[in-house]
């Protein structure tokens, strides 16, 4: 029940109390209630966070020689993802995929992301995974500068959070780690593992730094099937993900038994 009370602390602003969850007849019932209330709040969060991201990142997109086509594709995929994010069955399937990844790769530490703009909410899956072994560690990205790589700071489900760049929640631990496995949110992707993000280049810079240091985590893209596109336009700095998981499949198909 510790996991569920922690989940409540994330969503305290939407009226679901720890007492209500603790008195739910089962974890499944608590999950259903949380999901229903969270969805209503998140629709507003999606609109707000999307506006901030588009405003903040437009300048970097404008400097990209393939900006127009990428911007158009990004807008179409963001719109499609908003609808996919509300599909309960699809989200359940994607949760199972993420658990499969954790089972197959068995990392000691992971990097996740704080969900926004219709991104799959991976937090409850990671909270459950953390509860299975006290030695496991999770971390969230922290933006330290517009042109700098991300730092991954240790996170626990009950940790106080602070609002950082682009109004994204960040942990307050201050402890930086390099995760063994990194879950990366995708606006779009192709079957070769190339990802379309928001255009800020944060993950590309971060993976390049990890590679230079010889500490490259397994990279797992998380997306909805509707966001699978044709071959992505690729640039010299683009680094493909090792695996991409969706509610319907994984790419490349059959990757390491997934």
C-alpha atoms as a PDB file:
ATOM      1  CA  UNK A   1       0.000   0.000   0.000  1.00  0.00           C
ATOM      2  CA  UNK A   2       3.033   2.261   0.293  1.00  0.00           C
ATOM      3  CA  UNK A   3       3.127   2.597  -3.492  1.00  0.00           C
ATOM      4  CA  UNK A   4      -0.487   3.787  -3.675  1.00  0.00           C
ATOM      5  CA  UNK A   5      -0.099   6.344  -0.898  1.00  0.00           C
ATOM      6  CA  UNK A   6       2.912   7.696  -2.747  1.00  0.00           C
ATOM      7  CA  UNK A   7       0.913   7.976  -5.936  1.00  0.00           C
ATOM      8  CA  UNK A   8      -1.650  10.028  -4.065  1.00  0.00           C
ATOM      9  CA  UNK A   9       1.026  12.550  -3.072  1.00  0.00           C
ATOM     10  CA  UNK A  10       1.661  13.211  -6.777  1.00  0.00           C
ATOM     11  CA  UNK A  11      -1.988  14.032  -7.386  1.00  0.00           C
ATOM     12  CA  UNK A  12      -2.909  15.817  -4.159  1.00  0.00           C
ATOM     13  CA  UNK A  13      -4.243  18.753  -6.131  1.00  0.00           C
ATOM     14  CA  UNK A  14      -7.148  16.745  -7.614  1.00  0.00           C
ATOM     15  CA  UNK A  15      -8.918  15.792  -4.431  1.00  0.00           C
ATOM     16  CA  UNK A  16      -7.960  12.125  -3.966  1.00  0.00           C
ATOM     17  CA  UNK A  17      -6.795  11.522  -0.396  1.00  0.00           C
ATOM     18  CA  UNK A  18      -4.486   8.861   1.015  1.00  0.00           C
ATOM     19  CA  UNK A  19      -7.311   7.701   3.280  1.00  0.00           C
ATOM     20  CA  UNK A  20      -9.580   7.012   0.315  1.00  0.00           C
ATOM     21  CA  UNK A  21      -6.928   4.931  -1.378  1.00  0.00           C
ATOM     22  CA  UNK A  22      -6.000   2.991   1.752  1.00  0.00           C
ATOM     23  CA  UNK A  23      -9.643   2.007   2.221  1.00  0.00           C
ATOM     24  CA  UNK A  24     -10.111   0.877  -1.401  1.00  0.00           C
ATOM     25  CA  UNK A  25     -11.125  -2.742  -1.665  1.00  0.00           C
ATOM     26  CA  UNK A  26      -8.133  -3.615  -3.814  1.00  0.00           C
ATOM     27  CA  UNK A  27      -5.131  -2.108  -5.534  1.00  0.00           C
ATOM     28  CA  UNK A  28      -6.988  -2.448  -8.817  1.00  0.00           C
ATOM     29  CA  UNK A  29      -9.917  -0.397  -7.541  1.00  0.00           C
ATOM     30  CA  UNK A  30      -7.557   2.302  -6.263  1.00  0.00           C
ATOM     31  CA  UNK A  31      -5.815   2.371  -9.609  1.00  0.00           C
ATOM     32  CA  UNK A  32      -9.085   2.808 -11.486  1.00  0.00           C
ATOM     33  CA  UNK A  33     -10.163   5.721  -9.273  1.00  0.00           C
ATOM     34  CA  UNK A  34      -6.789   7.420  -9.575  1.00  0.00           C
ATOM     35  CA  UNK A  35      -6.747   7.007 -13.344  1.00  0.00           C
ATOM     36  CA  UNK A  36     -10.230   8.504 -13.760  1.00  0.00           C
ATOM     37  CA  UNK A  37      -9.445  11.595 -11.678  1.00  0.00           C
ATOM     38  CA  UNK A  38      -5.937  11.962 -13.063  1.00  0.00           C
ATOM     39  CA  UNK A  39      -7.225  11.936 -16.663  1.00  0.00           C
ATOM     40  CA  UNK A  40      -9.483  14.950 -16.051  1.00  0.00           C
ATOM     41  CA  UNK A  41      -6.665  16.957 -14.497  1.00  0.00           C
ATOM     42  CA  UNK A  42      -4.158  15.850 -17.056  1.00  0.00           C
ATOM     43  CA  UNK A  43      -6.188  17.135 -19.987  1.00  0.00           C
ATOM     44  CA  UNK A  44      -5.575  20.642 -18.650  1.00  0.00           C
ATOM     45  CA  UNK A  45      -1.916  19.861 -17.897  1.00  0.00           C
ATOM     46  CA  UNK A  46      -1.454  18.667 -21.476  1.00  0.00           C
ATOM     47  CA  UNK A  47      -2.713  21.949 -22.920  1.00  0.00           C
ATOM     48  CA  UNK A  48      -0.610  24.077 -20.565  1.00  0.00           C
ATOM     49  CA  UNK A  49       2.631  22.104 -20.840  1.00  0.00           C
ATOM     50  CA  UNK A  50       2.327  21.779 -24.600  1.00  0.00           C
ATOM     51  CA  UNK A  51       2.004  25.559 -24.962  1.00  0.00           C
ATOM     52  CA  UNK A  52       5.090  26.149 -22.817  1.00  0.00           C
ATOM     53  CA  UNK A  53       7.145  23.577 -24.702  1.00  0.00           C
ATOM     54  CA  UNK A  54       6.205  24.910 -28.115  1.00  0.00           C
ATOM     55  CA  UNK A  55       6.988  28.476 -27.072  1.00  0.00           C
ATOM     56  CA  UNK A  56      10.325  27.594 -25.475  1.00  0.00           C
ATOM     57  CA  UNK A  57      11.566  25.259 -28.202  1.00  0.00           C
ATOM     58  CA  UNK A  58      10.427  27.080 -31.335  1.00  0.00           C
ATOM     59  CA  UNK A  59      13.749  28.912 -31.678  1.00  0.00           C
ATOM     60  CA  UNK A  60      15.780  25.687 -31.711  1.00  0.00           C
ATOM     61  CA  UNK A  61      13.396  24.136 -34.224  1.00  0.00           C
ATOM     62  CA  UNK A  62      13.773  27.194 -36.450  1.00  0.00           C
ATOM     63  CA  UNK A  63      17.547  26.638 -36.626  1.00  0.00           C
ATOM     64  CA  UNK A  64      17.057  23.101 -37.979  1.00  0.00           C
ATOM     65  CA  UNK A  65      17.384  22.816 -41.792  1.00  0.00           C
ATOM     66  CA  UNK A  66      14.588  20.236 -41.819  1.00  0.00           C
ATOM     67  CA  UNK A  67      12.509  22.300 -39.413  1.00  0.00           C
ATOM     68  CA  UNK A  68       9.394  22.775 -41.519  1.00  0.00           C
ATOM     69  CA  UNK A  69       8.736  19.106 -42.195  1.00  0.00           C
ATOM     70  CA  UNK A  70       9.697  18.102 -38.654  1.00  0.00           C
ATOM     71  CA  UNK A  71       7.494  20.801 -37.174  1.00  0.00           C
ATOM     72  CA  UNK A  72       4.511  19.678 -39.248  1.00  0.00           C
ATOM     73  CA  UNK A  73       5.081  16.030 -38.350  1.00  0.00           C
ATOM     74  CA  UNK A  74       5.543  16.931 -34.683  1.00  0.00           C
ATOM     75  CA  UNK A  75       2.239  18.831 -34.603  1.00  0.00           C
ATOM     76  CA  UNK A  76       0.344  15.955 -36.219  1.00  0.00           C
ATOM     77  CA  UNK A  77       1.844  13.355 -33.882  1.00  0.00           C
ATOM     78  CA  UNK A  78       1.203  15.458 -30.777  1.00  0.00           C
ATOM     79  CA  UNK A  79      -2.453  15.716 -31.748  1.00  0.00           C
ATOM     80  CA  UNK A  80      -2.727  11.970 -32.377  1.00  0.00           C
ATOM     81  CA  UNK A  81      -0.978  11.212 -29.084  1.00  0.00           C
ATOM     82  CA  UNK A  82      -3.481  13.242 -27.074  1.00  0.00           C
ATOM     83  CA  UNK A  83      -6.211  10.799 -28.074  1.00  0.00           C
ATOM     84  CA  UNK A  84      -4.081   7.671 -27.626  1.00  0.00           C
ATOM     85  CA  UNK A  85      -3.167   8.753 -24.082  1.00  0.00           C
ATOM     86  CA  UNK A  86      -6.831   8.487 -23.035  1.00  0.00           C
ATOM     87  CA  UNK A  87      -7.190   4.837 -24.115  1.00  0.00           C
ATOM     88  CA  UNK A  88      -7.255   2.793 -20.893  1.00  0.00           C
ATOM     89  CA  UNK A  89      -6.706  -0.554 -22.618  1.00  0.00           C
ATOM     90  CA  UNK A  90      -3.753   0.815 -24.555  1.00  0.00           C
ATOM     91  CA  UNK A  91      -2.189   2.216 -21.397  1.00  0.00           C
ATOM     92  CA  UNK A  92      -2.592  -1.134 -19.633  1.00  0.00           C
ATOM     93  CA  UNK A  93      -0.859  -2.866 -22.536  1.00  0.00           C
ATOM     94  CA  UNK A  94       1.972  -0.343 -22.479  1.00  0.00           C
ATOM     95  CA  UNK A  95       2.426  -0.846 -18.733  1.00  0.00           C
ATOM     96  CA  UNK A  96       2.913  -4.555 -19.379  1.00  0.00           C
ATOM     97  CA  UNK A  97       5.472  -3.771 -22.075  1.00  0.00           C
ATOM     98  CA  UNK A  98       7.451  -1.576 -19.694  1.00  0.00           C
ATOM     99  CA  UNK A  99       7.389  -4.307 -17.046  1.00  0.00           C
ATOM    100  CA  UNK A 100       8.650  -6.767 -19.665  1.00  0.00           C
ATOM    101  CA  UNK A 101      11.563  -4.428 -20.389  1.00  0.00           C
ATOM    102  CA  UNK A 102      12.452  -4.253 -16.697  1.00  0.00           C
ATOM    103  CA  UNK A 103      12.279  -8.033 -16.396  1.00  0.00           C
ATOM    104  CA  UNK A 104      14.364  -8.747 -19.499  1.00  0.00           C
ATOM    105  CA  UNK A 105      17.101  -6.166 -18.892  1.00  0.00           C
ATOM    106  CA  UNK A 106      17.040  -6.350 -15.069  1.00  0.00           C
ATOM    107  CA  UNK A 107      18.690  -2.950 -14.464  1.00  0.00           C
ATOM    108  CA  UNK A 108      19.826  -1.839 -11.025  1.00  0.00           C
ATOM    109  CA  UNK A 109      18.884   1.753 -11.835  1.00  0.00           C
ATOM    110  CA  UNK A 110      16.597   3.453 -14.335  1.00  0.00           C
ATOM    111  CA  UNK A 111      15.945   6.911 -15.647  1.00  0.00           C
ATOM    112  CA  UNK A 112      12.315   7.804 -16.283  1.00  0.00           C
ATOM    113  CA  UNK A 113      10.497  11.027 -17.147  1.00  0.00           C
ATOM    114  CA  UNK A 114       7.787  13.194 -15.633  1.00  0.00           C
ATOM    115  CA  UNK A 115       4.866  12.828 -18.093  1.00  0.00           C
ATOM    116  CA  UNK A 116       3.382  15.740 -19.991  1.00  0.00           C
ATOM    117  CA  UNK A 117       1.798  16.518 -23.347  1.00  0.00           C
ATOM    118  CA  UNK A 118       0.034  13.170 -23.651  1.00  0.00           C
ATOM    119  CA  UNK A 119       3.101  11.120 -22.773  1.00  0.00           C
ATOM    120  CA  UNK A 120       2.514   7.693 -21.251  1.00  0.00           C
ATOM    121  CA  UNK A 121       2.589   7.939 -17.445  1.00  0.00           C
ATOM    122  CA  UNK A 122       5.342   5.537 -16.452  1.00  0.00           C
ATOM    123  CA  UNK A 123       5.558   6.565 -12.779  1.00  0.00           C
ATOM    124  CA  UNK A 124       3.298   3.911 -11.263  1.00  0.00           C
ATOM    125  CA  UNK A 125       5.159   1.136 -13.105  1.00  0.00           C
ATOM    126  CA  UNK A 126       8.496   2.365 -11.796  1.00  0.00           C
ATOM    127  CA  UNK A 127       7.077   2.802  -8.291  1.00  0.00           C
ATOM    128  CA  UNK A 128       5.975  -0.846  -8.320  1.00  0.00           C
ATOM    129  CA  UNK A 129       9.376  -1.906  -9.650  1.00  0.00           C
ATOM    130  CA  UNK A 130      11.170   0.044  -6.910  1.00  0.00           C
ATOM    131  CA  UNK A 131       9.023  -1.599  -4.239  1.00  0.00           C
ATOM    132  CA  UNK A 132      10.241  -5.025  -5.378  1.00  0.00           C
ATOM    133  CA  UNK A 133      13.855  -4.484  -4.242  1.00  0.00           C
ATOM    134  CA  UNK A 134      15.239  -1.818  -1.908  1.00  0.00           C
ATOM    135  CA  UNK A 135      18.516  -1.784  -3.845  1.00  0.00           C
ATOM    136  CA  UNK A 136      16.852  -0.493  -7.005  1.00  0.00           C
ATOM    137  CA  UNK A 137      17.141   3.180  -7.882  1.00  0.00           C
ATOM    138  CA  UNK A 138      15.210   5.526 -10.137  1.00  0.00           C
ATOM    139  CA  UNK A 139      16.029   8.993 -11.414  1.00  0.00           C
ATOM    140  CA  UNK A 140      14.401  11.865 -13.273  1.00  0.00           C
ATOM    141  CA  UNK A 141      15.959  14.318 -15.738  1.00  0.00           C
ATOM    142  CA  UNK A 142      16.912  17.800 -14.610  1.00  0.00           C
ATOM    143  CA  UNK A 143      17.537  20.573 -17.135  1.00  0.00           C
ATOM    144  CA  UNK A 144      20.578  22.598 -16.067  1.00  0.00           C
ATOM    145  CA  UNK A 145      20.792  24.843 -19.131  1.00  0.00           C
ATOM    146  CA  UNK A 146      19.301  25.286 -22.581  1.00  0.00           C
ATOM    147  CA  UNK A 147      22.318  23.857 -24.432  1.00  0.00           C
ATOM    148  CA  UNK A 148      23.528  21.480 -21.741  1.00  0.00           C
ATOM    149  CA  UNK A 149      22.969  17.734 -21.314  1.00  0.00           C
ATOM    150  CA  UNK A 150      20.421  16.496 -18.828  1.00  0.00           C
ATOM    151  CA  UNK A 151      21.371  15.368 -15.349  1.00  0.00           C
ATOM    152  CA  UNK A 152      19.514  12.442 -13.800  1.00  0.00           C
ATOM    153  CA  UNK A 153      18.735  13.005 -10.133  1.00  0.00           C
ATOM    154  CA  UNK A 154      17.657  10.227  -7.793  1.00  0.00           C
ATOM    155  CA  UNK A 155      13.883  10.042  -7.330  1.00  0.00           C
ATOM    156  CA  UNK A 156      11.557   8.135  -5.022  1.00  0.00           C
ATOM    157  CA  UNK A 157       7.743   8.123  -5.212  1.00  0.00           C
ATOM    158  CA  UNK A 158       7.374   9.997  -1.920  1.00  0.00           C
ATOM    159  CA  UNK A 159      10.031  12.632  -2.648  1.00  0.00           C
ATOM    160  CA  UNK A 160       9.056  16.340  -2.685  1.00  0.00           C
ATOM    161  CA  UNK A 161       9.249  17.800  -6.184  1.00  0.00           C
ATOM    162  CA  UNK A 162      10.068  21.227  -7.540  1.00  0.00           C
ATOM    163  CA  UNK A 163       9.072  22.875 -10.822  1.00  0.00           C
ATOM    164  CA  UNK A 164      12.002  23.318 -13.181  1.00  0.00           C
ATOM    165  CA  UNK A 165      12.567  24.439 -16.767  1.00  0.00           C
ATOM    166  CA  UNK A 166       9.542  24.206 -19.096  1.00  0.00           C
ATOM    167  CA  UNK A 167       7.452  23.730 -15.928  1.00  0.00           C
ATOM    168  CA  UNK A 168       8.574  20.109 -15.679  1.00  0.00           C
ATOM    169  CA  UNK A 169       8.685  18.590 -12.202  1.00  0.00           C
ATOM    170  CA  UNK A 170      12.149  17.697 -10.906  1.00  0.00           C
ATOM    171  CA  UNK A 171      13.301  15.765  -7.810  1.00  0.00           C
ATOM    172  CA  UNK A 172      14.881  17.611  -4.925  1.00  0.00           C
ATOM    173  CA  UNK A 173      17.465  14.957  -4.001  1.00  0.00           C
ATOM    174  CA  UNK A 174      20.347  16.641  -5.821  1.00  0.00           C
ATOM    175  CA  UNK A 175      22.035  13.232  -6.176  1.00  0.00           C
ATOM    176  CA  UNK A 176      23.200  12.635  -9.753  1.00  0.00           C
ATOM    177  CA  UNK A 177      23.493   9.116 -11.192  1.00  0.00           C
ATOM    178  CA  UNK A 178      23.970   7.523 -14.600  1.00  0.00           C
ATOM    179  CA  UNK A 179      21.098   5.040 -14.979  1.00  0.00           C
ATOM    180  CA  UNK A 180      21.656   1.540 -16.360  1.00  0.00           C
ATOM    181  CA  UNK A 181      18.489   1.849 -18.428  1.00  0.00           C
ATOM    182  CA  UNK A 182      16.853   5.011 -19.675  1.00  0.00           C
ATOM    183  CA  UNK A 183      13.174   5.333 -20.619  1.00  0.00           C
ATOM    184  CA  UNK A 184      12.798   8.100 -23.197  1.00  0.00           C
ATOM    185  CA  UNK A 185       9.440   9.663 -24.159  1.00  0.00           C
ATOM    186  CA  UNK A 186       8.797   9.945 -27.892  1.00  0.00           C
ATOM    187  CA  UNK A 187       6.674  12.342 -29.897  1.00  0.00           C
ATOM    188  CA  UNK A 188       7.308  10.029 -32.838  1.00  0.00           C
ATOM    189  CA  UNK A 189       9.631   7.196 -33.864  1.00  0.00           C
ATOM    190  CA  UNK A 190      10.488   4.879 -36.723  1.00  0.00           C
ATOM    191  CA  UNK A 191      11.137   1.135 -36.789  1.00  0.00           C
ATOM    192  CA  UNK A 192      14.906   1.714 -36.723  1.00  0.00           C
ATOM    193  CA  UNK A 193      14.685   3.390 -33.327  1.00  0.00           C
ATOM    194  CA  UNK A 194      15.122   6.990 -34.438  1.00  0.00           C
ATOM    195  CA  UNK A 195      13.074   9.326 -32.290  1.00  0.00           C
ATOM    196  CA  UNK A 196      11.315  12.609 -32.857  1.00  0.00           C
ATOM    197  CA  UNK A 197      11.250  14.752 -29.726  1.00  0.00           C
ATOM    198  CA  UNK A 198      10.303  18.357 -29.045  1.00  0.00           C
ATOM    199  CA  UNK A 199      13.315  19.757 -30.877  1.00  0.00           C
ATOM    200  CA  UNK A 200      15.409  20.847 -27.895  1.00  0.00           C
ATOM    201  CA  UNK A 201      18.112  18.201 -28.405  1.00  0.00           C
ATOM    202  CA  UNK A 202      18.405  17.400 -24.697  1.00  0.00           C
ATOM    203  CA  UNK A 203      18.477  13.622 -25.030  1.00  0.00           C
ATOM    204  CA  UNK A 204      20.880  13.679 -27.993  1.00  0.00           C
ATOM    205  CA  UNK A 205      23.333  15.812 -26.014  1.00  0.00           C
ATOM    206  CA  UNK A 206      22.934  13.640 -22.938  1.00  0.00           C
ATOM    207  CA  UNK A 207      23.508  10.356 -24.763  1.00  0.00           C
ATOM    208  CA  UNK A 208      26.572  11.834 -26.470  1.00  0.00           C
ATOM    209  CA  UNK A 209      28.041  12.742 -23.059  1.00  0.00           C
ATOM    210  CA  UNK A 210      27.264   9.273 -21.686  1.00  0.00           C
ATOM    211  CA  UNK A 211      28.976   7.733 -24.716  1.00  0.00           C
ATOM    212  CA  UNK A 212      32.099   9.873 -24.276  1.00  0.00           C
ATOM    213  CA  UNK A 213      32.258   8.777 -20.638  1.00  0.00           C
ATOM    214  CA  UNK A 214      31.871   5.112 -21.591  1.00  0.00           C
ATOM    215  CA  UNK A 215      28.680   4.793 -19.539  1.00  0.00           C
ATOM    216  CA  UNK A 216      25.966   4.304 -22.114  1.00  0.00           C
ATOM    217  CA  UNK A 217      22.618   3.153 -20.669  1.00  0.00           C
ATOM    218  CA  UNK A 218      20.207   0.923 -22.541  1.00  0.00           C
ATOM    219  CA  UNK A 219      17.795   3.356 -24.186  1.00  0.00           C
ATOM    220  CA  UNK A 220      14.120   2.440 -24.405  1.00  0.00           C
ATOM    221  CA  UNK A 221      11.691   4.696 -26.213  1.00  0.00           C
ATOM    222  CA  UNK A 222       8.131   4.797 -24.873  1.00  0.00           C
ATOM    223  CA  UNK A 223       5.398   5.730 -27.325  1.00  0.00           C
ATOM    224  CA  UNK A 224       1.940   4.946 -28.621  1.00  0.00           C
ATOM    225  CA  UNK A 225       1.597   2.955 -31.826  1.00  0.00           C
ATOM    226  CA  UNK A 226      -0.150   5.892 -33.506  1.00  0.00           C
ATOM    227  CA  UNK A 227       3.143   7.794 -33.236  1.00  0.00           C
ATOM    228  CA  UNK A 228       5.052   5.356 -35.438  1.00  0.00           C
ATOM    229  CA  UNK A 229       6.065   7.193 -38.587  1.00  0.00           C
ATOM    230  CA  UNK A 230       7.953   6.324 -41.756  1.00  0.00           C
ATOM    231  CA  UNK A 231      11.721   6.714 -41.850  1.00  0.00           C
ATOM    232  CA  UNK A 232      12.667   9.747 -39.786  1.00  0.00           C
ATOM    233  CA  UNK A 233      14.833  12.470 -41.254  1.00  0.00           C
ATOM    234  CA  UNK A 234      18.222  11.907 -39.682  1.00  0.00           C
ATOM    235  CA  UNK A 235      21.016  14.264 -38.826  1.00  0.00           C
ATOM    236  CA  UNK A 236      24.613  13.655 -37.809  1.00  0.00           C
ATOM    237  CA  UNK A 237      23.888  14.048 -34.095  1.00  0.00           C
ATOM    238  CA  UNK A 238      20.872  11.695 -34.023  1.00  0.00           C
ATOM    239  CA  UNK A 239      21.407   8.527 -31.979  1.00  0.00           C
ATOM    240  CA  UNK A 240      18.913   5.659 -32.400  1.00  0.00           C
ATOM    241  CA  UNK A 241      17.267   4.129 -29.347  1.00  0.00           C
ATOM    242  CA  UNK A 242      18.031   0.491 -28.536  1.00  0.00           C
ATOM    243  CA  UNK A 243      14.349  -0.412 -28.277  1.00  0.00           C
ATOM    244  CA  UNK A 244      11.003   1.329 -28.662  1.00  0.00           C
ATOM    245  CA  UNK A 245       7.946  -0.125 -26.918  1.00  0.00           C
ATOM    246  CA  UNK A 246       4.323   0.702 -27.656  1.00  0.00           C
ATOM    247  CA  UNK A 247       1.011  -0.743 -26.552  1.00  0.00           C
ATOM    248  CA  UNK A 248       1.014  -2.944 -29.646  1.00  0.00           C
ATOM    249  CA  UNK A 249       4.586  -4.008 -30.285  1.00  0.00           C
ATOM    250  CA  UNK A 250       8.280  -3.401 -29.756  1.00  0.00           C
ATOM    251  CA  UNK A 251      10.874  -2.245 -32.279  1.00  0.00           C
ATOM    252  CA  UNK A 252      12.929  -3.846 -33.590  1.00  0.00           C
ATOM    253  CA  UNK A 253      10.470  -6.716 -33.373  1.00  0.00           C
ATOM    254  CA  UNK A 254      11.646  -9.509 -31.098  1.00  0.00           C
ATOM    255  CA  UNK A 255      14.359  -7.343 -29.542  1.00  0.00           C
ATOM    256  CA  UNK A 256      16.007  -9.389 -26.799  1.00  0.00           C
ATOM    257  CA  UNK A 257      12.907 -11.511 -26.308  1.00  0.00           C
ATOM    258  CA  UNK A 258      10.470  -8.647 -25.817  1.00  0.00           C
END
